[in-house]
N, C-alpha and C. Protein backbone atom coordinates (compact mmCIF):
# COMPACT_ATOMS: atom_id res chain seq x y z
N MET A 1 0.57 -2.97 -3.21
CA MET A 1 0.08 -1.74 -2.62
C MET A 1 1.30 -0.99 -2.06
N PRO A 2 1.44 0.29 -2.40
CA PRO A 2 2.59 1.05 -1.91
C PRO A 2 2.36 1.56 -0.48
N CYS A 3 3.42 2.04 0.14
CA CYS A 3 3.32 2.68 1.45
C CYS A 3 2.39 3.88 1.33
N TYR A 4 1.46 4.01 2.23
CA TYR A 4 0.48 5.09 2.10
C TYR A 4 1.08 6.46 2.39
N ARG A 5 2.23 6.53 3.03
CA ARG A 5 2.83 7.83 3.33
C ARG A 5 3.81 8.29 2.27
N CYS A 6 4.70 7.39 1.82
CA CYS A 6 5.75 7.84 0.90
C CYS A 6 5.62 7.26 -0.50
N GLY A 7 4.76 6.25 -0.70
CA GLY A 7 4.55 5.69 -2.02
C GLY A 7 5.53 4.60 -2.42
N THR A 8 6.46 4.24 -1.55
CA THR A 8 7.42 3.18 -1.85
C THR A 8 6.68 1.86 -2.04
N ARG A 9 7.08 1.12 -3.07
CA ARG A 9 6.45 -0.18 -3.30
C ARG A 9 7.13 -1.25 -2.46
N GLN A 10 6.32 -2.18 -1.98
CA GLN A 10 6.82 -3.27 -1.16
C GLN A 10 7.54 -4.28 -2.04
N ALA A 11 8.70 -4.74 -1.57
CA ALA A 11 9.45 -5.79 -2.26
C ALA A 11 9.27 -7.09 -1.49
N ASP A 12 9.40 -8.20 -2.19
CA ASP A 12 9.27 -9.49 -1.53
C ASP A 12 10.41 -9.67 -0.53
N PRO A 13 10.08 -10.16 0.68
CA PRO A 13 11.15 -10.41 1.66
C PRO A 13 11.97 -11.63 1.23
N GLU A 14 13.16 -11.75 1.78
CA GLU A 14 14.00 -12.90 1.49
C GLU A 14 13.30 -14.15 1.99
N ALA A 15 13.60 -15.27 1.37
CA ALA A 15 12.97 -16.54 1.73
C ALA A 15 13.18 -16.83 3.22
N GLY A 16 12.13 -17.18 3.89
CA GLY A 16 12.20 -17.53 5.31
C GLY A 16 12.15 -16.36 6.26
N LYS A 17 12.12 -15.14 5.75
CA LYS A 17 12.07 -13.96 6.62
C LYS A 17 10.70 -13.30 6.51
N SER A 18 10.26 -12.73 7.60
CA SER A 18 8.99 -12.01 7.55
C SER A 18 9.22 -10.59 7.04
N SER A 19 8.18 -10.02 6.52
CA SER A 19 8.27 -8.67 5.95
C SER A 19 8.36 -7.63 7.07
N PRO A 20 9.23 -6.63 6.92
CA PRO A 20 9.31 -5.57 7.93
C PRO A 20 8.19 -4.53 7.78
N TRP A 21 7.37 -4.65 6.75
CA TRP A 21 6.26 -3.72 6.52
C TRP A 21 5.15 -4.02 7.51
N ARG A 22 4.40 -2.97 7.87
CA ARG A 22 3.26 -3.13 8.78
C ARG A 22 2.00 -2.76 8.03
N ARG A 23 0.93 -3.42 8.41
CA ARG A 23 -0.36 -3.04 7.85
C ARG A 23 -1.21 -2.47 8.97
N GLY A 24 -2.15 -1.67 8.59
CA GLY A 24 -3.04 -1.07 9.56
C GLY A 24 -4.22 -0.45 8.85
N VAL A 25 -5.02 0.26 9.61
CA VAL A 25 -6.21 0.90 9.08
C VAL A 25 -6.09 2.40 9.37
N VAL A 26 -6.30 3.21 8.33
CA VAL A 26 -6.31 4.66 8.45
C VAL A 26 -7.58 5.15 7.77
N ARG A 27 -8.41 5.86 8.50
CA ARG A 27 -9.68 6.39 7.98
C ARG A 27 -10.47 5.30 7.25
N GLU A 28 -10.54 4.12 7.88
CA GLU A 28 -11.34 3.00 7.38
C GLU A 28 -10.78 2.35 6.12
N HIS A 29 -9.50 2.58 5.80
CA HIS A 29 -8.86 1.96 4.65
C HIS A 29 -7.67 1.14 5.13
N GLN A 30 -7.52 -0.07 4.58
CA GLN A 30 -6.35 -0.89 4.85
C GLN A 30 -5.14 -0.25 4.18
N VAL A 31 -4.05 -0.07 4.91
CA VAL A 31 -2.84 0.54 4.36
C VAL A 31 -1.62 -0.28 4.73
N LEU A 32 -0.55 -0.08 3.98
CA LEU A 32 0.75 -0.63 4.31
C LEU A 32 1.68 0.51 4.69
N ILE A 33 2.60 0.23 5.61
CA ILE A 33 3.56 1.24 6.04
C ILE A 33 4.96 0.63 5.92
N CYS A 34 5.82 1.33 5.17
CA CYS A 34 7.18 0.84 4.97
C CYS A 34 7.99 1.02 6.26
N PRO A 35 9.10 0.31 6.39
CA PRO A 35 9.91 0.43 7.60
C PRO A 35 10.40 1.85 7.88
N ALA A 36 10.70 2.63 6.83
CA ALA A 36 11.20 3.99 7.03
C ALA A 36 10.13 4.91 7.61
N CYS A 37 8.87 4.69 7.27
CA CYS A 37 7.78 5.56 7.73
C CYS A 37 7.15 5.09 9.05
N GLN A 38 7.48 3.89 9.50
CA GLN A 38 6.80 3.32 10.67
C GLN A 38 6.87 4.16 11.93
N PRO A 39 8.01 4.67 12.31
CA PRO A 39 8.03 5.38 13.60
C PRO A 39 7.01 6.51 13.68
N SER A 40 6.89 7.30 12.63
CA SER A 40 5.97 8.43 12.69
C SER A 40 4.57 8.06 12.23
N ALA A 41 4.43 7.05 11.39
CA ALA A 41 3.12 6.69 10.84
C ALA A 41 2.25 5.94 11.83
N ILE A 42 2.82 5.35 12.85
CA ILE A 42 2.03 4.60 13.83
C ILE A 42 0.98 5.51 14.47
N ALA A 43 1.31 6.77 14.66
CA ALA A 43 0.35 7.72 15.26
C ALA A 43 -0.85 7.96 14.36
N ASP A 44 -0.73 7.73 13.04
CA ASP A 44 -1.83 7.94 12.10
C ASP A 44 -2.83 6.80 12.11
N LEU A 45 -2.44 5.62 12.61
CA LEU A 45 -3.29 4.44 12.53
C LEU A 45 -4.50 4.55 13.45
N THR A 46 -5.61 4.00 12.98
CA THR A 46 -6.82 3.92 13.79
C THR A 46 -6.58 2.92 14.91
N ARG A 47 -7.09 3.22 16.08
CA ARG A 47 -6.93 2.33 17.24
C ARG A 47 -8.22 1.60 17.55
N CYS A 48 -8.11 0.43 18.13
CA CYS A 48 -9.26 -0.36 18.53
C CYS A 48 -9.99 0.36 19.66
N SER A 49 -11.31 0.40 19.57
CA SER A 49 -12.10 1.08 20.60
C SER A 49 -12.14 0.29 21.90
N ARG A 50 -11.85 -1.01 21.86
CA ARG A 50 -11.88 -1.82 23.07
C ARG A 50 -10.52 -1.84 23.78
N CYS A 51 -9.46 -2.17 23.04
CA CYS A 51 -8.15 -2.37 23.69
C CYS A 51 -7.11 -1.32 23.34
N GLY A 52 -7.38 -0.46 22.35
CA GLY A 52 -6.44 0.60 21.99
C GLY A 52 -5.32 0.16 21.06
N SER A 53 -5.37 -1.08 20.59
CA SER A 53 -4.33 -1.61 19.71
C SER A 53 -4.41 -0.98 18.32
N VAL A 54 -3.28 -0.94 17.61
CA VAL A 54 -3.25 -0.48 16.22
C VAL A 54 -3.22 -1.67 15.26
N HIS A 55 -3.28 -2.89 15.77
CA HIS A 55 -3.23 -4.09 14.94
C HIS A 55 -4.61 -4.39 14.37
N LEU A 56 -5.06 -3.53 13.46
CA LEU A 56 -6.37 -3.68 12.83
C LEU A 56 -6.21 -4.08 11.38
N ILE A 57 -7.19 -4.83 10.88
CA ILE A 57 -7.26 -5.15 9.46
C ILE A 57 -8.67 -4.86 8.99
N LYS A 58 -8.80 -4.57 7.70
CA LYS A 58 -10.12 -4.33 7.12
C LYS A 58 -10.36 -5.37 6.05
N ARG A 59 -11.53 -5.98 6.11
CA ARG A 59 -11.93 -6.92 5.08
C ARG A 59 -13.45 -6.97 5.01
N LEU A 60 -13.95 -6.98 3.81
CA LEU A 60 -15.39 -7.07 3.56
C LEU A 60 -16.19 -6.06 4.36
N ASP A 61 -15.77 -4.80 4.31
CA ASP A 61 -16.45 -3.70 4.99
C ASP A 61 -16.55 -3.88 6.50
N GLN A 62 -15.62 -4.64 7.06
CA GLN A 62 -15.52 -4.77 8.52
C GLN A 62 -14.08 -4.55 8.93
N VAL A 63 -13.92 -3.99 10.12
CA VAL A 63 -12.59 -3.77 10.69
C VAL A 63 -12.47 -4.70 11.89
N GLU A 64 -11.36 -5.48 11.92
CA GLU A 64 -11.14 -6.44 13.01
C GLU A 64 -9.84 -6.11 13.73
N CYS A 65 -9.89 -6.16 15.06
CA CYS A 65 -8.68 -6.01 15.87
C CYS A 65 -8.03 -7.38 16.00
N LEU A 66 -6.77 -7.48 15.65
CA LEU A 66 -6.06 -8.75 15.72
C LEU A 66 -5.65 -9.11 17.15
N ASP A 67 -5.71 -8.15 18.07
CA ASP A 67 -5.34 -8.42 19.45
C ASP A 67 -6.54 -8.93 20.27
N CYS A 68 -7.65 -8.19 20.26
CA CYS A 68 -8.81 -8.59 21.08
C CYS A 68 -9.93 -9.20 20.27
N ARG A 69 -9.78 -9.27 18.94
CA ARG A 69 -10.74 -9.87 18.02
C ARG A 69 -12.09 -9.15 17.94
N LEU A 70 -12.13 -7.88 18.33
CA LEU A 70 -13.34 -7.09 18.16
C LEU A 70 -13.56 -6.86 16.67
N VAL A 71 -14.76 -7.12 16.18
CA VAL A 71 -15.11 -6.90 14.78
C VAL A 71 -16.22 -5.86 14.76
N ARG A 72 -16.05 -4.86 13.90
CA ARG A 72 -17.07 -3.82 13.75
C ARG A 72 -17.23 -3.50 12.29
N ASP A 73 -18.38 -2.92 11.95
CA ASP A 73 -18.60 -2.47 10.58
C ASP A 73 -17.76 -1.23 10.32
N ALA A 74 -17.23 -1.12 9.11
CA ALA A 74 -16.47 0.07 8.73
C ALA A 74 -17.42 1.25 8.64
N GLU A 75 -16.92 2.43 8.98
CA GLU A 75 -17.72 3.64 8.94
C GLU A 75 -18.05 4.00 7.50
N PRO A 76 -19.34 4.20 7.15
CA PRO A 76 -19.69 4.47 5.76
C PRO A 76 -19.26 5.84 5.26
N GLU A 77 -19.09 6.86 6.11
CA GLU A 77 -18.74 8.19 5.60
C GLU A 77 -17.33 8.24 5.03
N TYR A 78 -16.51 7.23 5.32
CA TYR A 78 -15.16 7.20 4.78
C TYR A 78 -15.06 6.28 3.58
N ALA A 79 -16.16 5.69 3.15
CA ALA A 79 -16.12 4.64 2.15
C ALA A 79 -15.48 5.09 0.83
N ASP A 80 -15.70 6.32 0.40
CA ASP A 80 -15.18 6.75 -0.90
C ASP A 80 -13.90 7.56 -0.80
N ALA A 81 -13.49 7.97 0.39
CA ALA A 81 -12.33 8.85 0.54
C ALA A 81 -11.09 8.02 0.87
N PRO A 82 -10.04 8.10 0.05
CA PRO A 82 -8.80 7.40 0.38
C PRO A 82 -8.11 8.07 1.55
N PRO A 83 -7.23 7.34 2.25
CA PRO A 83 -6.53 7.95 3.37
C PRO A 83 -5.69 9.13 2.91
N ALA A 84 -5.75 10.21 3.65
CA ALA A 84 -5.00 11.41 3.30
C ALA A 84 -3.58 11.28 3.82
N ALA A 85 -2.64 11.71 3.02
CA ALA A 85 -1.25 11.72 3.45
C ALA A 85 -1.05 12.87 4.44
N PRO A 86 -0.25 12.66 5.47
CA PRO A 86 0.01 13.73 6.42
C PRO A 86 0.73 14.89 5.76
N SER A 87 0.72 16.02 6.41
CA SER A 87 1.38 17.19 5.84
C SER A 87 2.85 16.90 5.60
N GLY A 88 3.34 17.40 4.50
CA GLY A 88 4.74 17.17 4.14
C GLY A 88 4.92 15.96 3.23
N ALA A 89 3.89 15.12 3.13
CA ALA A 89 3.97 13.97 2.24
C ALA A 89 3.03 14.19 1.08
N THR A 90 3.36 13.59 -0.04
CA THR A 90 2.51 13.74 -1.20
C THR A 90 1.28 12.85 -1.07
N SER A 91 0.15 13.30 -1.55
CA SER A 91 -1.06 12.49 -1.47
C SER A 91 -1.15 11.53 -2.64
N ASP A 92 -0.36 11.72 -3.67
CA ASP A 92 -0.36 10.84 -4.82
C ASP A 92 0.90 9.99 -4.80
N PRO A 93 0.76 8.65 -4.51
CA PRO A 93 1.95 7.81 -4.42
C PRO A 93 2.77 7.82 -5.71
N ALA A 94 2.14 8.03 -6.86
CA ALA A 94 2.89 8.05 -8.11
C ALA A 94 3.87 9.21 -8.16
N GLU A 95 3.55 10.32 -7.46
CA GLU A 95 4.47 11.45 -7.43
C GLU A 95 5.68 11.18 -6.55
N ALA A 96 5.54 10.29 -5.57
CA ALA A 96 6.63 10.02 -4.64
C ALA A 96 7.61 9.00 -5.18
N VAL A 97 7.19 8.19 -6.16
CA VAL A 97 8.03 7.15 -6.70
C VAL A 97 8.57 7.59 -8.04
N PRO A 98 9.89 7.59 -8.23
CA PRO A 98 10.43 7.98 -9.52
C PRO A 98 9.96 7.02 -10.60
N ARG A 99 9.61 7.55 -11.76
CA ARG A 99 9.13 6.73 -12.86
C ARG A 99 10.31 6.00 -13.50
N GLN A 100 10.08 4.74 -13.83
CA GLN A 100 11.07 3.98 -14.56
C GLN A 100 10.74 4.08 -16.03
N SER A 101 11.64 3.64 -16.87
CA SER A 101 11.34 3.70 -18.30
C SER A 101 10.19 2.77 -18.61
N ALA A 102 9.36 3.19 -19.54
CA ALA A 102 8.17 2.43 -19.88
C ALA A 102 8.51 1.29 -20.82
N ALA A 103 7.70 0.23 -20.74
CA ALA A 103 7.86 -0.88 -21.67
C ALA A 103 7.33 -0.45 -23.03
N PRO A 104 7.95 -0.89 -24.09
CA PRO A 104 7.46 -0.48 -25.40
C PRO A 104 6.10 -1.08 -25.68
N GLY A 105 5.27 -0.31 -26.35
CA GLY A 105 3.95 -0.77 -26.75
C GLY A 105 4.05 -1.56 -28.04
N PRO A 106 2.92 -2.00 -28.58
CA PRO A 106 2.95 -2.81 -29.79
C PRO A 106 3.54 -2.08 -30.99
N ASP A 107 3.47 -0.75 -31.01
CA ASP A 107 4.02 0.01 -32.12
C ASP A 107 5.45 0.46 -31.87
N GLY A 108 6.06 0.00 -30.77
CA GLY A 108 7.43 0.38 -30.44
C GLY A 108 7.53 1.57 -29.53
N GLY A 109 6.42 2.30 -29.31
CA GLY A 109 6.41 3.45 -28.41
C GLY A 109 5.99 3.02 -27.02
N SER A 110 5.84 3.96 -26.13
CA SER A 110 5.41 3.66 -24.77
C SER A 110 3.94 3.31 -24.76
N ALA A 111 3.60 2.30 -23.98
CA ALA A 111 2.20 1.92 -23.81
C ALA A 111 1.60 2.82 -22.74
N PRO A 112 0.53 3.53 -23.03
CA PRO A 112 -0.06 4.40 -22.01
C PRO A 112 -0.75 3.59 -20.93
N GLY A 113 -0.68 4.07 -19.70
CA GLY A 113 -1.36 3.44 -18.59
C GLY A 113 -2.80 3.91 -18.53
N PRO A 114 -3.57 3.42 -17.53
CA PRO A 114 -4.97 3.79 -17.44
C PRO A 114 -5.18 5.28 -17.19
N ASP A 115 -4.20 5.95 -16.62
CA ASP A 115 -4.33 7.38 -16.35
C ASP A 115 -3.77 8.22 -17.49
N GLY A 116 -3.40 7.57 -18.58
CA GLY A 116 -2.85 8.29 -19.73
C GLY A 116 -1.34 8.35 -19.69
N GLY A 117 -0.74 8.02 -18.55
CA GLY A 117 0.71 8.05 -18.43
C GLY A 117 1.29 6.70 -18.80
N SER A 118 2.55 6.53 -18.57
CA SER A 118 3.23 5.29 -18.90
C SER A 118 2.89 4.22 -17.87
N GLY A 119 2.48 3.05 -18.31
CA GLY A 119 2.13 1.96 -17.42
C GLY A 119 3.17 0.88 -17.41
N GLY A 120 4.30 1.09 -18.07
CA GLY A 120 5.31 0.07 -18.20
C GLY A 120 6.06 -0.26 -16.93
N ASP A 121 6.19 0.67 -16.02
CA ASP A 121 6.97 0.40 -14.81
C ASP A 121 6.33 -0.70 -13.98
N LEU A 122 5.03 -0.70 -13.84
CA LEU A 122 4.35 -1.75 -13.08
C LEU A 122 4.44 -3.07 -13.82
N ALA A 123 4.30 -3.03 -15.14
CA ALA A 123 4.41 -4.25 -15.93
C ALA A 123 5.81 -4.85 -15.80
N ASP A 124 6.84 -4.01 -15.82
CA ASP A 124 8.21 -4.49 -15.64
C ASP A 124 8.39 -5.11 -14.26
N GLU A 125 7.82 -4.47 -13.26
CA GLU A 125 7.93 -4.95 -11.89
C GLU A 125 7.26 -6.32 -11.75
N VAL A 126 6.09 -6.48 -12.36
CA VAL A 126 5.37 -7.76 -12.32
C VAL A 126 6.16 -8.83 -13.05
N ALA A 127 6.73 -8.48 -14.19
CA ALA A 127 7.52 -9.45 -14.96
C ALA A 127 8.73 -9.92 -14.15
N ARG A 128 9.40 -9.00 -13.47
CA ARG A 128 10.55 -9.38 -12.63
C ARG A 128 10.12 -10.29 -11.49
N ALA A 129 8.96 -10.01 -10.88
CA ALA A 129 8.46 -10.85 -9.78
C ALA A 129 8.12 -12.25 -10.29
N LEU A 130 7.52 -12.34 -11.47
CA LEU A 130 7.21 -13.65 -12.04
C LEU A 130 8.48 -14.41 -12.37
N ASP A 131 9.49 -13.73 -12.87
CA ASP A 131 10.76 -14.39 -13.15
C ASP A 131 11.39 -14.94 -11.87
N ARG A 132 11.31 -14.18 -10.79
CA ARG A 132 11.84 -14.67 -9.51
C ARG A 132 11.10 -15.91 -9.05
N LEU A 133 9.77 -15.92 -9.23
CA LEU A 133 8.97 -17.07 -8.82
C LEU A 133 9.31 -18.31 -9.65
N ARG A 134 9.63 -18.07 -10.91
CA ARG A 134 9.97 -19.18 -11.81
C ARG A 134 11.44 -19.52 -11.77
N ASN A 135 12.20 -18.88 -10.91
CA ASN A 135 13.65 -19.11 -10.73
C ASN A 135 14.42 -18.94 -12.02
N ARG A 136 14.12 -17.85 -12.74
CA ARG A 136 14.85 -17.59 -13.98
C ARG A 136 16.08 -16.80 -13.69
């Protein structure tokens, strides 16, 4: 899942280190925030109604505060709407991330992605991650 503000994809942290990325809830959607966007993006996060914390997670249509453990049902009016990017940021993460060259398709050309564009960049990224896991 990319950063909801700038579209940067999360990379695996070094072995033994925790990720500098933060997760939170914005308009009833679980989001990730990259380290570069954190200072300003914290204000966008939904706060707990009991303790005011931003340490919320969403799972199975419920939002839970990790600080006070308050669990509530997610608001249904936001169920279909993705979190909106703040002004000045693109709302489409694909526009914020430069496209890499596509992997060749079976005929030697680019394999189209589900949106009709090139889907090779994600496939390349997954292949590199699998290679790292297999210590190649």
